[in-house]
Amino acid sequence: MNLSELITEERNLDTLDIDTLDTKTMLKKINDHDKTVPFAVEPPMFWVL
């Protein structure tokens, strides 16, 4: 398996600046991204079950 081919191993363009942000902005950015996970997981979940 080539990890560079996995989309989970790609850089997130929305967080390229995360190391320059203040804590509150950084946490909001992380939290906003975390909210997208259920929508990404739901469709393939039915292929697995």
PDB file of N, CA and C in Angstrom:
ATOM      1  N   MET A   1       0.849  -1.176   0.000  1.00  0.00           N
ATOM      2  CA  MET A   1       0.000   0.000   0.000  1.00  0.00           C
ATOM      3  C   MET A   1       0.896   1.241   0.000  1.00  0.00           C
ATOM      4  N   ASN A   2       0.588   2.153  -0.890  1.00  0.00           N
ATOM      5  CA  ASN A   2       1.352   3.383  -0.989  1.00  0.00           C
ATOM      6  C   ASN A   2       0.583   4.486  -0.252  1.00  0.00           C
ATOM      7  N   LEU A   3       1.088   4.916   0.893  1.00  0.00           N
ATOM      8  CA  LEU A   3       0.373   5.896   1.714  1.00  0.00           C
ATOM      9  C   LEU A   3       0.186   7.227   1.011  1.00  0.00           C
ATOM     10  N   SER A   4       1.076   7.565   0.093  1.00  0.00           N
ATOM     11  CA  SER A   4       0.943   8.845  -0.607  1.00  0.00           C
ATOM     12  C   SER A   4      -0.271   8.875  -1.524  1.00  0.00           C
ATOM     13  N   GLU A   5      -0.853   7.719  -1.806  1.00  0.00           N
ATOM     14  CA  GLU A   5      -2.041   7.652  -2.658  1.00  0.00           C
ATOM     15  C   GLU A   5      -3.341   7.773  -1.865  1.00  0.00           C
ATOM     16  N   LEU A   6      -3.259   7.718  -0.549  1.00  0.00           N
ATOM     17  CA  LEU A   6      -4.461   7.811   0.281  1.00  0.00           C
ATOM     18  C   LEU A   6      -4.834   9.269   0.494  1.00  0.00           C
ATOM     19  N   ILE A   7      -6.113   9.597   0.330  1.00  0.00           N
ATOM     20  CA  ILE A   7      -6.518  10.986   0.530  1.00  0.00           C
ATOM     21  C   ILE A   7      -6.403  11.396   1.996  1.00  0.00           C
ATOM     22  N   THR A   8      -6.420  10.427   2.891  1.00  0.00           N
ATOM     23  CA  THR A   8      -6.278  10.756   4.311  1.00  0.00           C
ATOM     24  C   THR A   8      -4.873  11.228   4.640  1.00  0.00           C
ATOM     25  N   GLU A   9      -3.929  10.987   3.754  1.00  0.00           N
ATOM     26  CA  GLU A   9      -2.550  11.391   3.986  1.00  0.00           C
ATOM     27  C   GLU A   9      -2.190  12.679   3.255  1.00  0.00           C
ATOM     28  N   GLU A  10      -3.166  13.307   2.616  1.00  0.00           N
ATOM     29  CA  GLU A  10      -2.911  14.559   1.921  1.00  0.00           C
ATOM     30  C   GLU A  10      -2.923  15.721   2.902  1.00  0.00           C
ATOM     31  N   ARG A  11      -2.235  16.793   2.530  1.00  0.00           N
ATOM     32  CA  ARG A  11      -2.264  18.014   3.335  1.00  0.00           C
ATOM     33  C   ARG A  11      -3.650  18.626   3.221  1.00  0.00           C
ATOM     34  N   ASN A  12      -4.144  19.135   4.312  1.00  0.00           N
ATOM     35  CA  ASN A  12      -5.429  19.825   4.322  1.00  0.00           C
ATOM     36  C   ASN A  12      -5.158  21.298   4.038  1.00  0.00           C
ATOM     37  N   LEU A  13      -5.589  21.765   2.890  1.00  0.00           N
ATOM     38  CA  LEU A  13      -5.322  23.145   2.495  1.00  0.00           C
ATOM     39  C   LEU A  13      -5.955  24.155   3.455  1.00  0.00           C
ATOM     40  N   ASP A  14      -6.992  23.750   4.164  1.00  0.00           N
ATOM     41  CA  ASP A  14      -7.645  24.653   5.126  1.00  0.00           C
ATOM     42  C   ASP A  14      -6.837  24.835   6.405  1.00  0.00           C
ATOM     43  N   THR A  15      -5.853  23.976   6.627  1.00  0.00           N
ATOM     44  CA  THR A  15      -5.092  24.065   7.879  1.00  0.00           C
ATOM     45  C   THR A  15      -3.593  24.262   7.655  1.00  0.00           C
ATOM     46  N   LEU A  16      -3.210  24.721   6.493  1.00  0.00           N
ATOM     47  CA  LEU A  16      -1.790  24.957   6.241  1.00  0.00           C
ATOM     48  C   LEU A  16      -1.201  26.008   7.183  1.00  0.00           C
ATOM     49  N   ASP A  17      -2.046  26.907   7.650  1.00  0.00           N
ATOM     50  CA  ASP A  17      -1.580  27.989   8.525  1.00  0.00           C
ATOM     51  C   ASP A  17      -1.819  27.708  10.007  1.00  0.00           C
ATOM     52  N   ILE A  18      -2.166  26.489  10.334  1.00  0.00           N
ATOM     53  CA  ILE A  18      -2.613  26.186  11.705  1.00  0.00           C
ATOM     54  C   ILE A  18      -1.550  26.500  12.762  1.00  0.00           C
ATOM     55  N   ASP A  19      -0.294  26.383  12.397  1.00  0.00           N
ATOM     56  CA  ASP A  19       0.766  26.646  13.374  1.00  0.00           C
ATOM     57  C   ASP A  19       0.991  28.139  13.615  1.00  0.00           C
ATOM     58  N   THR A  20       0.317  28.991  12.859  1.00  0.00           N
ATOM     59  CA  THR A  20       0.473  30.435  13.050  1.00  0.00           C
ATOM     60  C   THR A  20      -0.741  31.065  13.717  1.00  0.00           C
ATOM     61  N   LEU A  21      -1.766  30.266  13.982  1.00  0.00           N
ATOM     62  CA  LEU A  21      -3.017  30.790  14.528  1.00  0.00           C
ATOM     63  C   LEU A  21      -2.986  30.870  16.048  1.00  0.00           C
ATOM     64  N   ASP A  22      -3.793  31.783  16.573  1.00  0.00           N
ATOM     65  CA  ASP A  22      -3.971  31.808  18.027  1.00  0.00           C
ATOM     66  C   ASP A  22      -4.814  30.590  18.410  1.00  0.00           C
ATOM     67  N   THR A  23      -4.794  30.231  19.672  1.00  0.00           N
ATOM     68  CA  THR A  23      -5.425  29.005  20.144  1.00  0.00           C
ATOM     69  C   THR A  23      -6.913  28.947  19.810  1.00  0.00           C
ATOM     70  N   LYS A  24      -7.637  30.027  20.047  1.00  0.00           N
ATOM     71  CA  LYS A  24      -9.082  30.030  19.807  1.00  0.00           C
ATOM     72  C   LYS A  24      -9.391  29.778  18.324  1.00  0.00           C
ATOM     73  N   THR A  25      -8.681  30.448  17.444  1.00  0.00           N
ATOM     74  CA  THR A  25      -8.903  30.280  16.001  1.00  0.00           C
ATOM     75  C   THR A  25      -8.510  28.881  15.554  1.00  0.00           C
ATOM     76  N   MET A  26      -7.416  28.379  16.095  1.00  0.00           N
ATOM     77  CA  MET A  26      -6.962  27.034  15.749  1.00  0.00           C
ATOM     78  C   MET A  26      -8.008  25.996  16.159  1.00  0.00           C
ATOM     79  N   LEU A  27      -8.526  26.100  17.379  1.00  0.00           N
ATOM     80  CA  LEU A  27      -9.516  25.142  17.851  1.00  0.00           C
ATOM     81  C   LEU A  27     -10.816  25.230  17.057  1.00  0.00           C
ATOM     82  N   LYS A  28     -11.215  26.441  16.660  1.00  0.00           N
ATOM     83  CA  LYS A  28     -12.415  26.588  15.834  1.00  0.00           C
ATOM     84  C   LYS A  28     -12.202  25.919  14.487  1.00  0.00           C
ATOM     85  N   LYS A  29     -11.029  26.084  13.907  1.00  0.00           N
ATOM     86  CA  LYS A  29     -10.738  25.476  12.608  1.00  0.00           C
ATOM     87  C   LYS A  29     -10.766  23.948  12.717  1.00  0.00           C
ATOM     88  N   ILE A  30     -10.180  23.406  13.769  1.00  0.00           N
ATOM     89  CA  ILE A  30     -10.180  21.953  13.982  1.00  0.00           C
ATOM     90  C   ILE A  30     -11.610  21.460  14.207  1.00  0.00           C
ATOM     91  N   ASN A  31     -12.355  22.159  15.025  1.00  0.00           N
ATOM     92  CA  ASN A  31     -13.730  21.753  15.321  1.00  0.00           C
ATOM     93  C   ASN A  31     -14.600  21.812  14.069  1.00  0.00           C
ATOM     94  N   ASP A  32     -14.441  22.846  13.263  1.00  0.00           N
ATOM     95  CA  ASP A  32     -15.219  22.952  12.022  1.00  0.00           C
ATOM     96  C   ASP A  32     -14.912  21.782  11.094  1.00  0.00           C
ATOM     97  N   HIS A  33     -13.660  21.406  11.014  1.00  0.00           N
ATOM     98  CA  HIS A  33     -13.298  20.270  10.162  1.00  0.00           C
ATOM     99  C   HIS A  33     -13.850  18.961  10.734  1.00  0.00           C
ATOM    100  N   ASP A  34     -13.787  18.811  12.044  1.00  0.00           N
ATOM    101  CA  ASP A  34     -14.306  17.589  12.677  1.00  0.00           C
ATOM    102  C   ASP A  34     -15.795  17.399  12.410  1.00  0.00           C
ATOM    103  N   LYS A  35     -16.521  18.474  12.224  1.00  0.00           N
ATOM    104  CA  LYS A  35     -17.963  18.380  11.947  1.00  0.00           C
ATOM    105  C   LYS A  35     -18.245  17.724  10.601  1.00  0.00           C
ATOM    106  N   THR A  36     -17.268  17.696   9.707  1.00  0.00           N
ATOM    107  CA  THR A  36     -17.480  17.121   8.379  1.00  0.00           C
ATOM    108  C   THR A  36     -17.314  15.600   8.371  1.00  0.00           C
ATOM    109  N   VAL A  37     -16.760  15.033   9.412  1.00  0.00           N
ATOM    110  CA  VAL A  37     -16.458  13.603   9.434  1.00  0.00           C
ATOM    111  C   VAL A  37     -17.690  12.720   9.296  1.00  0.00           C
ATOM    112  N   PRO A  38     -18.760  12.931  10.058  1.00  0.00           N
ATOM    113  CA  PRO A  38     -19.923  12.043   9.907  1.00  0.00           C
ATOM    114  C   PRO A  38     -20.482  12.010   8.485  1.00  0.00           C
ATOM    115  N   PHE A  39     -20.452  13.132   7.803  1.00  0.00           N
ATOM    116  CA  PHE A  39     -20.959  13.176   6.431  1.00  0.00           C
ATOM    117  C   PHE A  39     -20.056  12.404   5.482  1.00  0.00           C
ATOM    118  N   ALA A  40     -18.770  12.355   5.781  1.00  0.00           N
ATOM    119  CA  ALA A  40     -17.831  11.617   4.941  1.00  0.00           C
ATOM    120  C   ALA A  40     -17.904  10.117   5.208  1.00  0.00           C
ATOM    121  N   VAL A  41     -18.213   9.740   6.439  1.00  0.00           N
ATOM    122  CA  VAL A  41     -18.223   8.326   6.832  1.00  0.00           C
ATOM    123  C   VAL A  41     -19.535   7.636   6.479  1.00  0.00           C
ATOM    124  N   GLU A  42     -20.615   8.360   6.498  1.00  0.00           N
ATOM    125  CA  GLU A  42     -21.923   7.733   6.310  1.00  0.00           C
ATOM    126  C   GLU A  42     -22.079   6.970   4.989  1.00  0.00           C
ATOM    127  N   PRO A  43     -21.782   7.549   3.827  1.00  0.00           N
ATOM    128  CA  PRO A  43     -22.006   6.793   2.581  1.00  0.00           C
ATOM    129  C   PRO A  43     -21.239   5.464   2.497  1.00  0.00           C
ATOM    130  N   PRO A  44     -19.926   5.421   2.753  1.00  0.00           N
ATOM    131  CA  PRO A  44     -19.241   4.131   2.638  1.00  0.00           C
ATOM    132  C   PRO A  44     -19.583   3.153   3.763  1.00  0.00           C
ATOM    133  N   MET A  45     -20.144   3.653   4.852  1.00  0.00           N
ATOM    134  CA  MET A  45     -20.504   2.779   5.969  1.00  0.00           C
ATOM    135  C   MET A  45     -21.459   1.677   5.498  1.00  0.00           C
ATOM    136  N   PHE A  46     -22.349   1.985   4.584  1.00  0.00           N
ATOM    137  CA  PHE A  46     -23.329   1.005   4.120  1.00  0.00           C
ATOM    138  C   PHE A  46     -22.705  -0.046   3.224  1.00  0.00           C
ATOM    139  N   TRP A  47     -21.564   0.258   2.620  1.00  0.00           N
ATOM    140  CA  TRP A  47     -20.870  -0.748   1.805  1.00  0.00           C
ATOM    141  C   TRP A  47     -20.196  -1.784   2.701  1.00  0.00           C
ATOM    142  N   VAL A  48     -19.814  -1.354   3.894  1.00  0.00           N
ATOM    143  CA  VAL A  48     -19.091  -2.224   4.805  1.00  0.00           C
ATOM    144  C   VAL A  48     -20.050  -3.136   5.570  1.00  0.00           C
ATOM    145  N   LEU A  49     -21.190  -2.614   5.930  1.00  0.00           N
ATOM    146  CA  LEU A  49     -22.115  -3.384   6.776  1.00  0.00           C
ATOM    147  C   LEU A  49     -22.898  -4.387   6.008  1.00  0.00           C
TER     148      LEU A  49
END
